Protein backbone atom coordinates (compact mmCIF):
# COMPACT_ATOMS: atom_id res chain seq x y z
CA UNK A 1 26.99 -37.01 13.05
CA UNK A 2 26.13 -34.46 10.48
CA UNK A 3 23.06 -35.14 8.28
CA UNK A 4 21.62 -33.40 5.15
CA UNK A 5 17.84 -33.70 4.97
CA UNK A 6 15.81 -33.52 1.79
CA UNK A 7 12.07 -33.44 1.69
CA UNK A 8 9.09 -32.52 -0.54
CA UNK A 9 8.18 -29.01 0.69
CA UNK A 10 8.65 -26.33 3.22
CA UNK A 11 5.96 -27.77 5.61
CA UNK A 12 8.09 -30.91 5.87
CA UNK A 13 11.25 -29.13 6.93
CA UNK A 14 10.72 -28.47 10.60
CA UNK A 15 9.26 -31.92 11.12
CA UNK A 16 12.36 -33.53 9.40
CA UNK A 17 14.66 -31.41 11.47
CA UNK A 18 13.10 -32.35 14.86
CA UNK A 19 13.00 -36.12 13.81
CA UNK A 20 16.75 -35.96 12.83
CA UNK A 21 17.69 -34.16 15.98
CA UNK A 22 15.68 -36.54 18.16
CA UNK A 23 17.92 -39.36 16.81
CA UNK A 24 21.14 -37.54 17.69
CA UNK A 25 22.00 -36.02 14.40
CA UNK A 26 23.16 -32.44 13.65
CA UNK A 27 21.26 -31.18 10.64
CA UNK A 28 23.84 -29.67 8.43
CA UNK A 29 21.53 -28.91 5.46
CA UNK A 30 17.74 -28.87 5.20
CA UNK A 31 16.32 -28.75 1.60
CA UNK A 32 12.80 -28.86 0.04
CA UNK A 33 12.96 -30.27 -3.41
CA UNK A 34 9.50 -29.27 -4.56
CA UNK A 35 7.44 -32.41 -4.65
CA UNK A 36 7.84 -36.22 -4.49
CA UNK A 37 9.02 -36.65 -8.05
CA UNK A 38 12.26 -34.63 -7.44
CA UNK A 39 12.78 -36.50 -4.15
CA UNK A 40 12.32 -39.88 -6.00
CA UNK A 41 14.84 -38.85 -8.70
CA UNK A 42 17.41 -37.77 -6.17
CA UNK A 43 16.93 -41.13 -4.42
CA UNK A 44 17.57 -42.94 -7.61
CA UNK A 45 20.81 -40.95 -8.09
CA UNK A 46 21.99 -41.97 -4.60
CA UNK A 47 21.39 -45.52 -5.25
CA UNK A 48 23.49 -45.27 -8.46
CA UNK A 49 26.22 -43.29 -6.72
CA UNK A 50 26.41 -43.46 -2.91
CA UNK A 51 27.14 -40.10 -1.36
CA UNK A 52 30.15 -39.26 0.74
CA UNK A 53 28.01 -37.14 3.03
CA UNK A 54 25.09 -38.83 4.80
CA UNK A 55 21.50 -37.69 3.67
CA UNK A 56 18.03 -38.44 4.79
CA UNK A 57 15.23 -38.36 2.09
CA UNK A 58 11.79 -37.93 3.56
CA UNK A 59 8.44 -37.88 1.60
CA UNK A 60 4.75 -38.67 1.91
CA UNK A 61 3.54 -42.06 0.80
CA UNK A 62 0.72 -40.20 -1.21
CA UNK A 63 -2.12 -42.68 -1.58
CA UNK A 64 -3.04 -42.08 -5.14
CA UNK A 65 -0.22 -40.64 -7.29
CA UNK A 66 -0.34 -41.08 -11.10
CA UNK A 67 1.90 -43.73 -12.56
CA UNK A 68 3.79 -43.20 -15.84
CA UNK A 69 0.70 -44.14 -17.88
CA UNK A 70 -1.53 -41.70 -16.07
CA UNK A 71 -3.49 -44.28 -14.06
CA UNK A 72 -3.88 -43.86 -10.24
CA UNK A 73 -3.41 -46.63 -7.84
CA UNK A 74 -3.53 -47.16 -4.06
CA UNK A 75 -0.13 -47.37 -2.42
CA UNK A 76 1.45 -48.39 0.79
CA UNK A 77 4.99 -47.52 1.76
CA UNK A 78 6.50 -50.75 0.41
CA UNK A 79 4.49 -50.15 -2.91
CA UNK A 80 6.07 -46.82 -3.39
CA UNK A 81 9.57 -48.23 -3.13
CA UNK A 82 8.67 -51.18 -5.31
CA UNK A 83 7.19 -49.05 -8.01
CA UNK A 84 10.32 -46.91 -7.96
CA UNK A 85 12.69 -49.84 -7.93
CA UNK A 86 14.41 -48.27 -4.88
CA UNK A 87 15.59 -49.67 -1.52
CA UNK A 88 14.56 -47.73 1.61
CA UNK A 89 18.31 -47.63 2.49
CA UNK A 90 21.63 -47.65 0.87
CA UNK A 91 25.20 -46.92 1.86
CA UNK A 92 25.27 -43.71 3.78
CA UNK A 93 21.60 -42.72 3.04
CA UNK A 94 18.03 -43.45 4.12
CA UNK A 95 14.76 -42.98 2.33
CA UNK A 96 11.89 -42.74 4.72
CA UNK A 97 7.96 -42.41 4.03
CA UNK A 98 5.38 -40.69 6.24
CA UNK A 99 2.02 -42.55 5.97
CA UNK A 100 0.26 -40.99 4.25
CA UNK A 101 1.24 -37.40 4.66
CA UNK A 102 3.57 -35.65 6.95
CA UNK A 103 0.54 -34.10 8.64
CA UNK A 104 -0.18 -37.47 10.06
CA UNK A 105 2.76 -37.10 12.24
CA UNK A 106 1.66 -33.76 13.40
CA UNK A 107 -1.74 -34.99 14.32
CA UNK A 108 -0.14 -37.84 16.32
CA UNK A 109 0.77 -35.37 19.00
CA UNK A 110 -2.83 -35.10 19.95
CA UNK A 111 -2.38 -32.94 23.11
CA UNK A 112 -0.17 -30.26 21.43
CA UNK A 113 -2.43 -30.16 18.33
CA UNK A 114 -5.69 -29.81 20.18
CA UNK A 115 -4.26 -26.96 22.39
CA UNK A 116 -2.75 -25.20 19.43
CA UNK A 117 -5.89 -25.46 17.19
CA UNK A 118 -8.27 -25.03 20.12
CA UNK A 119 -10.31 -27.99 19.07
CA UNK A 120 -11.65 -30.67 21.58
CA UNK A 121 -9.03 -33.37 22.09
CA UNK A 122 -11.52 -36.07 21.50
CA UNK A 123 -12.09 -34.86 17.93
CA UNK A 124 -8.50 -35.43 16.88
CA UNK A 125 -8.05 -38.89 15.28
CA UNK A 126 -6.20 -41.45 17.45
CA UNK A 127 -4.76 -43.38 14.53
CA UNK A 128 -3.47 -40.65 12.17
CA UNK A 129 -1.57 -43.19 10.11
CA UNK A 130 -4.82 -44.57 8.85
CA UNK A 131 -5.97 -41.34 7.32
CA UNK A 132 -5.46 -41.12 3.61
CA UNK A 133 -5.53 -37.29 3.63
CA UNK A 134 -4.60 -36.09 7.09
CA UNK A 135 -4.03 -32.59 5.59
CA UNK A 136 -7.81 -32.55 4.81
CA UNK A 137 -8.54 -33.76 8.34
CA UNK A 138 -6.55 -30.78 9.62
CA UNK A 139 -8.76 -28.36 7.50
CA UNK A 140 -11.88 -30.07 8.74
CA UNK A 141 -10.92 -29.78 12.38
CA UNK A 142 -10.09 -26.00 11.91
CA UNK A 143 -13.56 -25.68 10.56
CA UNK A 144 -14.98 -26.52 13.95
CA UNK A 145 -16.66 -23.56 15.66
CA UNK A 146 -14.53 -24.04 18.67
CA UNK A 147 -11.18 -23.80 16.75
CA UNK A 148 -8.92 -20.78 17.05
CA UNK A 149 -10.47 -18.16 14.87
CA UNK A 150 -7.16 -16.77 13.60
CA UNK A 151 -5.91 -20.27 12.65
CA UNK A 152 -9.38 -21.02 11.03
CA UNK A 153 -8.76 -18.09 8.65
CA UNK A 154 -5.37 -19.39 7.74
CA UNK A 155 -6.23 -23.10 7.36
CA UNK A 156 -9.73 -23.16 5.99
CA UNK A 157 -10.49 -22.04 2.33
CA UNK A 158 -12.49 -18.99 1.97
CA UNK A 159 -16.15 -19.43 1.12
CA UNK A 160 -16.84 -19.68 -2.62
CA UNK A 161 -13.19 -20.56 -3.33
CA UNK A 162 -12.24 -23.93 -4.89
CA UNK A 163 -8.90 -24.22 -3.17
CA UNK A 164 -8.57 -27.26 -0.77
CA UNK A 165 -6.49 -25.21 1.86
CA UNK A 166 -6.76 -21.83 3.28
CA UNK A 167 -4.28 -18.96 2.30
CA UNK A 168 -2.05 -19.49 5.22
CA UNK A 169 -2.10 -23.18 5.60
CA UNK A 170 1.62 -23.66 4.95
CA UNK A 171 2.77 -20.94 7.27
CA UNK A 172 0.43 -22.28 10.11
CA UNK A 173 1.59 -25.86 9.73
CA UNK A 174 5.28 -24.72 9.79
CA UNK A 175 4.52 -22.72 12.99
CA UNK A 176 3.02 -25.71 14.74
CA UNK A 177 5.69 -28.23 13.53
CA UNK A 178 8.52 -25.85 14.55
CA UNK A 179 6.82 -24.88 17.87
CA UNK A 180 4.65 -27.02 20.11
CA UNK A 181 4.72 -30.21 18.23
CA UNK A 182 6.94 -32.92 19.87
CA UNK A 183 8.40 -36.10 18.35
CA UNK A 184 8.25 -37.94 21.72
CA UNK A 185 4.51 -37.72 22.01
CA UNK A 186 3.87 -38.13 18.26
CA UNK A 187 5.70 -41.50 17.84
CA UNK A 188 3.26 -43.08 20.39
CA UNK A 189 0.35 -42.73 17.90
CA UNK A 190 2.23 -43.01 14.66
CA UNK A 191 3.80 -46.33 13.67
CA UNK A 192 5.44 -44.88 10.58
CA UNK A 193 7.16 -42.16 12.64
CA UNK A 194 8.22 -44.70 15.27
CA UNK A 195 9.67 -46.83 12.55
CA UNK A 196 11.54 -43.79 11.06
CA UNK A 197 12.99 -43.02 14.36
CA UNK A 198 14.25 -46.50 14.93
CA UNK A 199 15.70 -46.59 11.42
CA UNK A 200 17.46 -43.41 11.91
CA UNK A 201 19.02 -44.38 15.24
CA UNK A 202 20.33 -47.53 13.62
CA UNK A 203 21.57 -45.54 10.67
CA UNK A 204 23.50 -43.15 13.10
CA UNK A 205 25.28 -46.24 14.62
CA UNK A 206 26.05 -47.79 11.38
CA UNK A 207 25.77 -45.49 8.41
CA UNK A 208 27.57 -47.66 5.95
CA UNK A 209 25.19 -50.59 6.39
């Protein structure tokens, strides 16, 4: 079954592709929409007008996004959908959320991540879904003196800079996600990834449900 996949940004694309393929889909199109707001708007359009071609929408939960009045609030996956007035499924599409960021799914493959980054395995969190900002955790782990020196220069902000991420953060994450990261290992430590996989396998069997 062919599947178009839409996600927030380029770092999500190799993860989304591997997840879809692990569920038996052929990824016909893979698109980054440039943030969670465009993903949400696209989801709303799908609810109003069910597509003829099956898409998957994937985005972060993002624990503290602004609401329409500018206030910030703590969210869970169900809270995101409730605030948006959206279901997590509709005829011929699925809307899935990574808790709290797609980086949690990457950290969930502890063995591959520790080998790739060169950090001690016991420093990688064993419950990545509980991290509010797993992307920041990756930067912290890369700051470890035993981490791969080249990856440290990509992932960690330069001294004196106010940036939260290093200059090559996106390219490094894409390289890991497209390379050594595996869905089978990651699902064992990420409940949100495991739920996503189960929902997509159900979708492949019955896309019109």
